[in-house]
Amino acid sequence: MKGKKILIVDDEADVLDLLSFNLENEGYEIITAINGKDALEKMNNFHPHLIILDCMMPVMDGFETCRNIRQN
């Protein structure tokens, strides 16, 4: 999957590390965000093919983040 980009959004560092490690080993380019606001900022520069989004996060939860993504 060379060249495919994934944005992982979760407020738990262990989850980000585990998913990043496994997906990078499969050849994906990974970027992480710790909340929805951070994800929205990063996705504009990174342009991911896929977003893995946690629902329960501080600052902006996954549902609000998803609504913002869909509006744009």
PDB file of N, CA and C in Angstrom:
ATOM      1  N   MET A   1       0.826  -1.193   0.000  1.00  0.00           N
ATOM      2  CA  MET A   1       0.000   0.000   0.000  1.00  0.00           C
ATOM      3  C   MET A   1       0.870   1.256   0.000  1.00  0.00           C
ATOM      4  N   LYS A   2       1.959   1.186  -0.659  1.00  0.00           N
ATOM      5  CA  LYS A   2       2.890   2.301  -0.716  1.00  0.00           C
ATOM      6  C   LYS A   2       2.194   3.561  -1.227  1.00  0.00           C
ATOM      7  N   GLY A   3       2.425   4.665  -0.506  1.00  0.00           N
ATOM      8  CA  GLY A   3       1.845   5.933  -0.914  1.00  0.00           C
ATOM      9  C   GLY A   3       0.476   6.215  -0.336  1.00  0.00           C
ATOM     10  N   LYS A   4      -0.165   5.237   0.282  1.00  0.00           N
ATOM     11  CA  LYS A   4      -1.478   5.461   0.893  1.00  0.00           C
ATOM     12  C   LYS A   4      -1.286   6.071   2.275  1.00  0.00           C
ATOM     13  N   LYS A   5      -2.036   7.130   2.551  1.00  0.00           N
ATOM     14  CA  LYS A   5      -1.880   7.881   3.791  1.00  0.00           C
ATOM     15  C   LYS A   5      -3.065   7.656   4.719  1.00  0.00           C
ATOM     16  N   ILE A   6      -2.754   7.452   6.001  1.00  0.00           N
ATOM     17  CA  ILE A   6      -3.786   7.246   7.014  1.00  0.00           C
ATOM     18  C   ILE A   6      -3.563   8.228   8.154  1.00  0.00           C
ATOM     19  N   LEU A   7      -4.629   8.907   8.545  1.00  0.00           N
ATOM     20  CA  LEU A   7      -4.624   9.775   9.717  1.00  0.00           C
ATOM     21  C   LEU A   7      -5.322   9.024  10.843  1.00  0.00           C
ATOM     22  N   ILE A   8      -4.618   8.832  11.954  1.00  0.00           N
ATOM     23  CA  ILE A   8      -5.178   8.156  13.123  1.00  0.00           C
ATOM     24  C   ILE A   8      -5.419   9.211  14.191  1.00  0.00           C
ATOM     25  N   VAL A   9      -6.656   9.271  14.701  1.00  0.00           N
ATOM     26  CA  VAL A   9      -7.031  10.285  15.686  1.00  0.00           C
ATOM     27  C   VAL A   9      -7.509   9.591  16.956  1.00  0.00           C
ATOM     28  N   ASP A  10      -6.775   9.784  18.042  1.00  0.00           N
ATOM     29  CA  ASP A  10      -7.119   9.175  19.325  1.00  0.00           C
ATOM     30  C   ASP A  10      -6.395   9.937  20.417  1.00  0.00           C
ATOM     31  N   ASP A  11      -7.016  10.049  21.579  1.00  0.00           N
ATOM     32  CA  ASP A  11      -6.387  10.764  22.685  1.00  0.00           C
ATOM     33  C   ASP A  11      -5.518   9.858  23.556  1.00  0.00           C
ATOM     34  N   GLU A  12      -5.440   8.578  23.239  1.00  0.00           N
ATOM     35  CA  GLU A  12      -4.618   7.641  24.006  1.00  0.00           C
ATOM     36  C   GLU A  12      -3.351   7.300  23.225  1.00  0.00           C
ATOM     37  N   ALA A  13      -2.213   7.661  23.801  1.00  0.00           N
ATOM     38  CA  ALA A  13      -0.918   7.465  23.139  1.00  0.00           C
ATOM     39  C   ALA A  13      -0.659   6.002  22.807  1.00  0.00           C
ATOM     40  N   ASP A  14      -1.071   5.086  23.687  1.00  0.00           N
ATOM     41  CA  ASP A  14      -0.848   3.657  23.443  1.00  0.00           C
ATOM     42  C   ASP A  14      -1.575   3.180  22.187  1.00  0.00           C
ATOM     43  N   VAL A  15      -2.774   3.668  21.978  1.00  0.00           N
ATOM     44  CA  VAL A  15      -3.555   3.290  20.795  1.00  0.00           C
ATOM     45  C   VAL A  15      -2.884   3.842  19.539  1.00  0.00           C
ATOM     46  N   LEU A  16      -2.472   5.098  19.597  1.00  0.00           N
ATOM     47  CA  LEU A  16      -1.781   5.705  18.454  1.00  0.00           C
ATOM     48  C   LEU A  16      -0.509   4.940  18.109  1.00  0.00           C
ATOM     49  N   ASP A  17       0.265   4.589  19.136  1.00  0.00           N
ATOM     50  CA  ASP A  17       1.522   3.859  18.913  1.00  0.00           C
ATOM     51  C   ASP A  17       1.276   2.483  18.298  1.00  0.00           C
ATOM     52  N   LEU A  18       0.314   1.754  18.830  1.00  0.00           N
ATOM     53  CA  LEU A  18       0.020   0.405  18.347  1.00  0.00           C
ATOM     54  C   LEU A  18      -0.460   0.419  16.902  1.00  0.00           C
ATOM     55  N   LEU A  19      -1.436   1.268  16.618  1.00  0.00           N
ATOM     56  CA  LEU A  19      -1.960   1.336  15.253  1.00  0.00           C
ATOM     57  C   LEU A  19      -0.903   1.848  14.274  1.00  0.00           C
ATOM     58  N   SER A  20      -0.170   2.869  14.668  1.00  0.00           N
ATOM     59  CA  SER A  20       0.881   3.405  13.795  1.00  0.00           C
ATOM     60  C   SER A  20       1.924   2.356  13.469  1.00  0.00           C
ATOM     61  N   PHE A  21       2.390   1.667  14.479  1.00  0.00           N
ATOM     62  CA  PHE A  21       3.415   0.637  14.297  1.00  0.00           C
ATOM     63  C   PHE A  21       2.958  -0.429  13.302  1.00  0.00           C
ATOM     64  N   ASN A  22       1.771  -0.957  13.523  1.00  0.00           N
ATOM     65  CA  ASN A  22       1.272  -2.028  12.665  1.00  0.00           C
ATOM     66  C   ASN A  22       0.994  -1.565  11.237  1.00  0.00           C
ATOM     67  N   LEU A  23       0.422  -0.388  11.084  1.00  0.00           N
ATOM     68  CA  LEU A  23       0.103   0.100   9.741  1.00  0.00           C
ATOM     69  C   LEU A  23       1.353   0.535   8.984  1.00  0.00           C
ATOM     70  N   GLU A  24       2.321   1.118   9.677  1.00  0.00           N
ATOM     71  CA  GLU A  24       3.582   1.472   9.016  1.00  0.00           C
ATOM     72  C   GLU A  24       4.308   0.220   8.533  1.00  0.00           C
ATOM     73  N   ASN A  25       4.236  -0.862   9.321  1.00  0.00           N
ATOM     74  CA  ASN A  25       4.847  -2.132   8.906  1.00  0.00           C
ATOM     75  C   ASN A  25       4.188  -2.708   7.655  1.00  0.00           C
ATOM     76  N   GLU A  26       2.962  -2.303   7.391  1.00  0.00           N
ATOM     77  CA  GLU A  26       2.252  -2.746   6.189  1.00  0.00           C
ATOM     78  C   GLU A  26       2.490  -1.801   5.009  1.00  0.00           C
ATOM     79  N   GLY A  27       3.262  -0.727   5.241  1.00  0.00           N
ATOM     80  CA  GLY A  27       3.636   0.165   4.159  1.00  0.00           C
ATOM     81  C   GLY A  27       2.844   1.449   4.039  1.00  0.00           C
ATOM     82  N   TYR A  28       1.960   1.721   4.987  1.00  0.00           N
ATOM     83  CA  TYR A  28       1.176   2.951   4.944  1.00  0.00           C
ATOM     84  C   TYR A  28       1.967   4.113   5.521  1.00  0.00           C
ATOM     85  N   GLU A  29       1.699   5.304   5.031  1.00  0.00           N
ATOM     86  CA  GLU A  29       2.251   6.519   5.609  1.00  0.00           C
ATOM     87  C   GLU A  29       1.263   6.992   6.671  1.00  0.00           C
ATOM     88  N   ILE A  30       1.740   7.190   7.886  1.00  0.00           N
ATOM     89  CA  ILE A  30       0.864   7.476   9.024  1.00  0.00           C
ATOM     90  C   ILE A  30       1.153   8.852   9.594  1.00  0.00           C
ATOM     91  N   ILE A  31       0.083   9.540   9.969  1.00  0.00           N
ATOM     92  CA  ILE A  31       0.180  10.748  10.779  1.00  0.00           C
ATOM     93  C   ILE A  31      -0.862  10.595  11.879  1.00  0.00           C
ATOM     94  N   THR A  32      -0.569  11.156  13.047  1.00  0.00           N
ATOM     95  CA  THR A  32      -1.489  11.012  14.173  1.00  0.00           C
ATOM     96  C   THR A  32      -1.926  12.375  14.685  1.00  0.00           C
ATOM     97  N   ALA A  33      -3.080  12.373  15.344  1.00  0.00           N
ATOM     98  CA  ALA A  33      -3.617  13.564  15.991  1.00  0.00           C
ATOM     99  C   ALA A  33      -4.216  13.133  17.328  1.00  0.00           C
ATOM    100  N   ILE A  34      -4.156  14.025  18.319  1.00  0.00           N
ATOM    101  CA  ILE A  34      -4.610  13.662  19.663  1.00  0.00           C
ATOM    102  C   ILE A  34      -6.037  14.105  19.965  1.00  0.00           C
ATOM    103  N   ASN A  35      -6.636  14.868  19.054  1.00  0.00           N
ATOM    104  CA  ASN A  35      -8.042  15.251  19.218  1.00  0.00           C
ATOM    105  C   ASN A  35      -8.574  15.728  17.861  1.00  0.00           C
ATOM    106  N   GLY A  36      -9.851  16.010  17.821  1.00  0.00           N
ATOM    107  CA  GLY A  36     -10.475  16.400  16.558  1.00  0.00           C
ATOM    108  C   GLY A  36      -9.963  17.694  15.978  1.00  0.00           C
ATOM    109  N   LYS A  37      -9.716  18.676  16.826  1.00  0.00           N
ATOM    110  CA  LYS A  37      -9.202  19.964  16.351  1.00  0.00           C
ATOM    111  C   LYS A  37      -7.833  19.787  15.713  1.00  0.00           C
ATOM    112  N   ASP A  38      -6.984  19.018  16.359  1.00  0.00           N
ATOM    113  CA  ASP A  38      -5.658  18.704  15.830  1.00  0.00           C
ATOM    114  C   ASP A  38      -5.776  17.960  14.498  1.00  0.00           C
ATOM    115  N   ALA A  39      -6.723  17.044  14.413  1.00  0.00           N
ATOM    116  CA  ALA A  39      -6.929  16.267  13.188  1.00  0.00           C
ATOM    117  C   ALA A  39      -7.333  17.151  12.019  1.00  0.00           C
ATOM    118  N   LEU A  40      -8.257  18.091  12.254  1.00  0.00           N
ATOM    119  CA  LEU A  40      -8.703  18.977  11.185  1.00  0.00           C
ATOM    120  C   LEU A  40      -7.558  19.831  10.661  1.00  0.00           C
ATOM    121  N   GLU A  41      -6.699  20.289  11.549  1.00  0.00           N
ATOM    122  CA  GLU A  41      -5.543  21.083  11.132  1.00  0.00           C
ATOM    123  C   GLU A  41      -4.564  20.254  10.304  1.00  0.00           C
ATOM    124  N   LYS A  42      -4.308  19.024  10.751  1.00  0.00           N
ATOM    125  CA  LYS A  42      -3.327  18.174  10.074  1.00  0.00           C
ATOM    126  C   LYS A  42      -3.833  17.633   8.746  1.00  0.00           C
ATOM    127  N   MET A  43      -5.122  17.355   8.664  1.00  0.00           N
ATOM    128  CA  MET A  43      -5.626  16.733   7.431  1.00  0.00           C
ATOM    129  C   MET A  43      -5.571  17.671   6.234  1.00  0.00           C
ATOM    130  N   ASN A  44      -5.589  18.954   6.465  1.00  0.00           N
ATOM    131  CA  ASN A  44      -5.497  19.909   5.364  1.00  0.00           C
ATOM    132  C   ASN A  44      -4.135  19.862   4.679  1.00  0.00           C
ATOM    133  N   ASN A  45      -3.088  19.546   5.419  1.00  0.00           N
ATOM    134  CA  ASN A  45      -1.743  19.442   4.845  1.00  0.00           C
ATOM    135  C   ASN A  45      -1.409  18.027   4.394  1.00  0.00           C
ATOM    136  N   PHE A  46      -1.950  17.037   5.085  1.00  0.00           N
ATOM    137  CA  PHE A  46      -1.590  15.632   4.857  1.00  0.00           C
ATOM    138  C   PHE A  46      -2.446  14.974   3.781  1.00  0.00           C
ATOM    139  N   HIS A  47      -3.696  15.373   3.634  1.00  0.00           N
ATOM    140  CA  HIS A  47      -4.644  14.810   2.660  1.00  0.00           C
ATOM    141  C   HIS A  47      -4.680  13.276   2.719  1.00  0.00           C
ATOM    142  N   PRO A  48      -5.174  12.721   3.833  1.00  0.00           N
ATOM    143  CA  PRO A  48      -5.183  11.263   3.993  1.00  0.00           C
ATOM    144  C   PRO A  48      -6.198  10.575   3.088  1.00  0.00           C
ATOM    145  N   HIS A  49      -5.899   9.313   2.764  1.00  0.00           N
ATOM    146  CA  HIS A  49      -6.841   8.474   2.024  1.00  0.00           C
ATOM    147  C   HIS A  49      -7.877   7.868   2.972  1.00  0.00           C
ATOM    148  N   LEU A  50      -7.482   7.722   4.253  1.00  0.00           N
ATOM    149  CA  LEU A  50      -8.344   7.102   5.262  1.00  0.00           C
ATOM    150  C   LEU A  50      -8.113   7.803   6.588  1.00  0.00           C
ATOM    151  N   ILE A  51      -9.187   7.960   7.381  1.00  0.00           N
ATOM    152  CA  ILE A  51      -9.074   8.516   8.727  1.00  0.00           C
ATOM    153  C   ILE A  51      -9.656   7.501   9.693  1.00  0.00           C
ATOM    154  N   ILE A  52      -8.873   7.122  10.689  1.00  0.00           N
ATOM    155  CA  ILE A  52      -9.343   6.268  11.780  1.00  0.00           C
ATOM    156  C   ILE A  52      -9.594   7.204  12.949  1.00  0.00           C
ATOM    157  N   LEU A  53     -10.850   7.302  13.363  1.00  0.00           N
ATOM    158  CA  LEU A  53     -11.280   8.359  14.276  1.00  0.00           C
ATOM    159  C   LEU A  53     -11.932   7.785  15.523  1.00  0.00           C
ATOM    160  N   ASP A  54     -11.375   8.131  16.687  1.00  0.00           N
ATOM    161  CA  ASP A  54     -11.963   7.768  17.973  1.00  0.00           C
ATOM    162  C   ASP A  54     -13.181   8.659  18.204  1.00  0.00           C
ATOM    163  N   CYS A  55     -14.160   8.160  18.921  1.00  0.00           N
ATOM    164  CA  CYS A  55     -15.374   8.939  19.181  1.00  0.00           C
ATOM    165  C   CYS A  55     -15.264   9.813  20.425  1.00  0.00           C
ATOM    166  N   MET A  56     -14.657   9.284  21.481  1.00  0.00           N
ATOM    167  CA  MET A  56     -14.613  10.003  22.754  1.00  0.00           C
ATOM    168  C   MET A  56     -13.228  10.598  22.971  1.00  0.00           C
ATOM    169  N   MET A  57     -13.125  11.920  22.704  1.00  0.00           N
ATOM    170  CA  MET A  57     -11.861  12.640  22.857  1.00  0.00           C
ATOM    171  C   MET A  57     -12.144  14.018  23.438  1.00  0.00           C
ATOM    172  N   PRO A  58     -11.139  14.612  24.080  1.00  0.00           N
ATOM    173  CA  PRO A  58     -11.308  15.987  24.571  1.00  0.00           C
ATOM    174  C   PRO A  58     -11.209  16.984  23.419  1.00  0.00           C
ATOM    175  N   VAL A  59     -11.524  18.214  23.698  1.00  0.00           N
ATOM    176  CA  VAL A  59     -11.467  19.365  22.794  1.00  0.00           C
ATOM    177  C   VAL A  59     -12.554  19.269  21.721  1.00  0.00           C
ATOM    178  N   MET A  60     -12.493  18.258  20.868  1.00  0.00           N
ATOM    179  CA  MET A  60     -13.524  18.028  19.852  1.00  0.00           C
ATOM    180  C   MET A  60     -13.669  16.519  19.689  1.00  0.00           C
ATOM    181  N   ASP A  61     -14.856  15.989  19.992  1.00  0.00           N
ATOM    182  CA  ASP A  61     -15.029  14.533  19.910  1.00  0.00           C
ATOM    183  C   ASP A  61     -15.105  14.062  18.455  1.00  0.00           C
ATOM    184  N   GLY A  62     -15.113  12.761  18.282  1.00  0.00           N
ATOM    185  CA  GLY A  62     -15.099  12.170  16.951  1.00  0.00           C
ATOM    186  C   GLY A  62     -16.322  12.485  16.112  1.00  0.00           C
ATOM    187  N   PHE A  63     -17.475  12.607  16.754  1.00  0.00           N
ATOM    188  CA  PHE A  63     -18.697  12.899  16.012  1.00  0.00           C
ATOM    189  C   PHE A  63     -18.665  14.309  15.428  1.00  0.00           C
ATOM    190  N   GLU A  64     -18.234  15.265  16.246  1.00  0.00           N
ATOM    191  CA  GLU A  64     -18.127  16.645  15.772  1.00  0.00           C
ATOM    192  C   GLU A  64     -17.039  16.760  14.696  1.00  0.00           C
ATOM    193  N   THR A  65     -15.959  16.048  14.892  1.00  0.00           N
ATOM    194  CA  THR A  65     -14.878  16.038  13.901  1.00  0.00           C
ATOM    195  C   THR A  65     -15.382  15.499  12.570  1.00  0.00           C
ATOM    196  N   CYS A  66     -16.114  14.408  12.606  1.00  0.00           N
ATOM    197  CA  CYS A  66     -16.657  13.801  11.395  1.00  0.00           C
ATOM    198  C   CYS A  66     -17.603  14.776  10.688  1.00  0.00           C
ATOM    199  N   ARG A  67     -18.444  15.462  11.439  1.00  0.00           N
ATOM    200  CA  ARG A  67     -19.349  16.456  10.831  1.00  0.00           C
ATOM    201  C   ARG A  67     -18.559  17.548  10.123  1.00  0.00           C
ATOM    202  N   ASN A  68     -17.484  18.012  10.763  1.00  0.00           N
ATOM    203  CA  ASN A  68     -16.650  19.049  10.157  1.00  0.00           C
ATOM    204  C   ASN A  68     -15.979  18.559   8.889  1.00  0.00           C
ATOM    205  N   ILE A  69     -15.501  17.330   8.903  1.00  0.00           N
ATOM    206  CA  ILE A  69     -14.862  16.751   7.726  1.00  0.00           C
ATOM    207  C   ILE A  69     -15.853  16.657   6.575  1.00  0.00           C
ATOM    208  N   ARG A  70     -17.055  16.201   6.858  1.00  0.00           N
ATOM    209  CA  ARG A  70     -18.070  16.036   5.824  1.00  0.00           C
ATOM    210  C   ARG A  70     -18.520  17.374   5.235  1.00  0.00           C
ATOM    211  N   GLN A  71     -18.527  18.414   6.048  1.00  0.00           N
ATOM    212  CA  GLN A  71     -18.926  19.735   5.565  1.00  0.00           C
ATOM    213  C   GLN A  71     -17.890  20.321   4.609  1.00  0.00           C
ATOM    214  N   ASN A  72     -16.645  19.919   4.794  1.00  0.00           N
ATOM    215  CA  ASN A  72     -15.582  20.437   3.939  1.00  0.00           C
ATOM    216  C   ASN A  72     -15.346  19.489   2.789  1.00  0.00           C
TER     217      ASN A  72
END
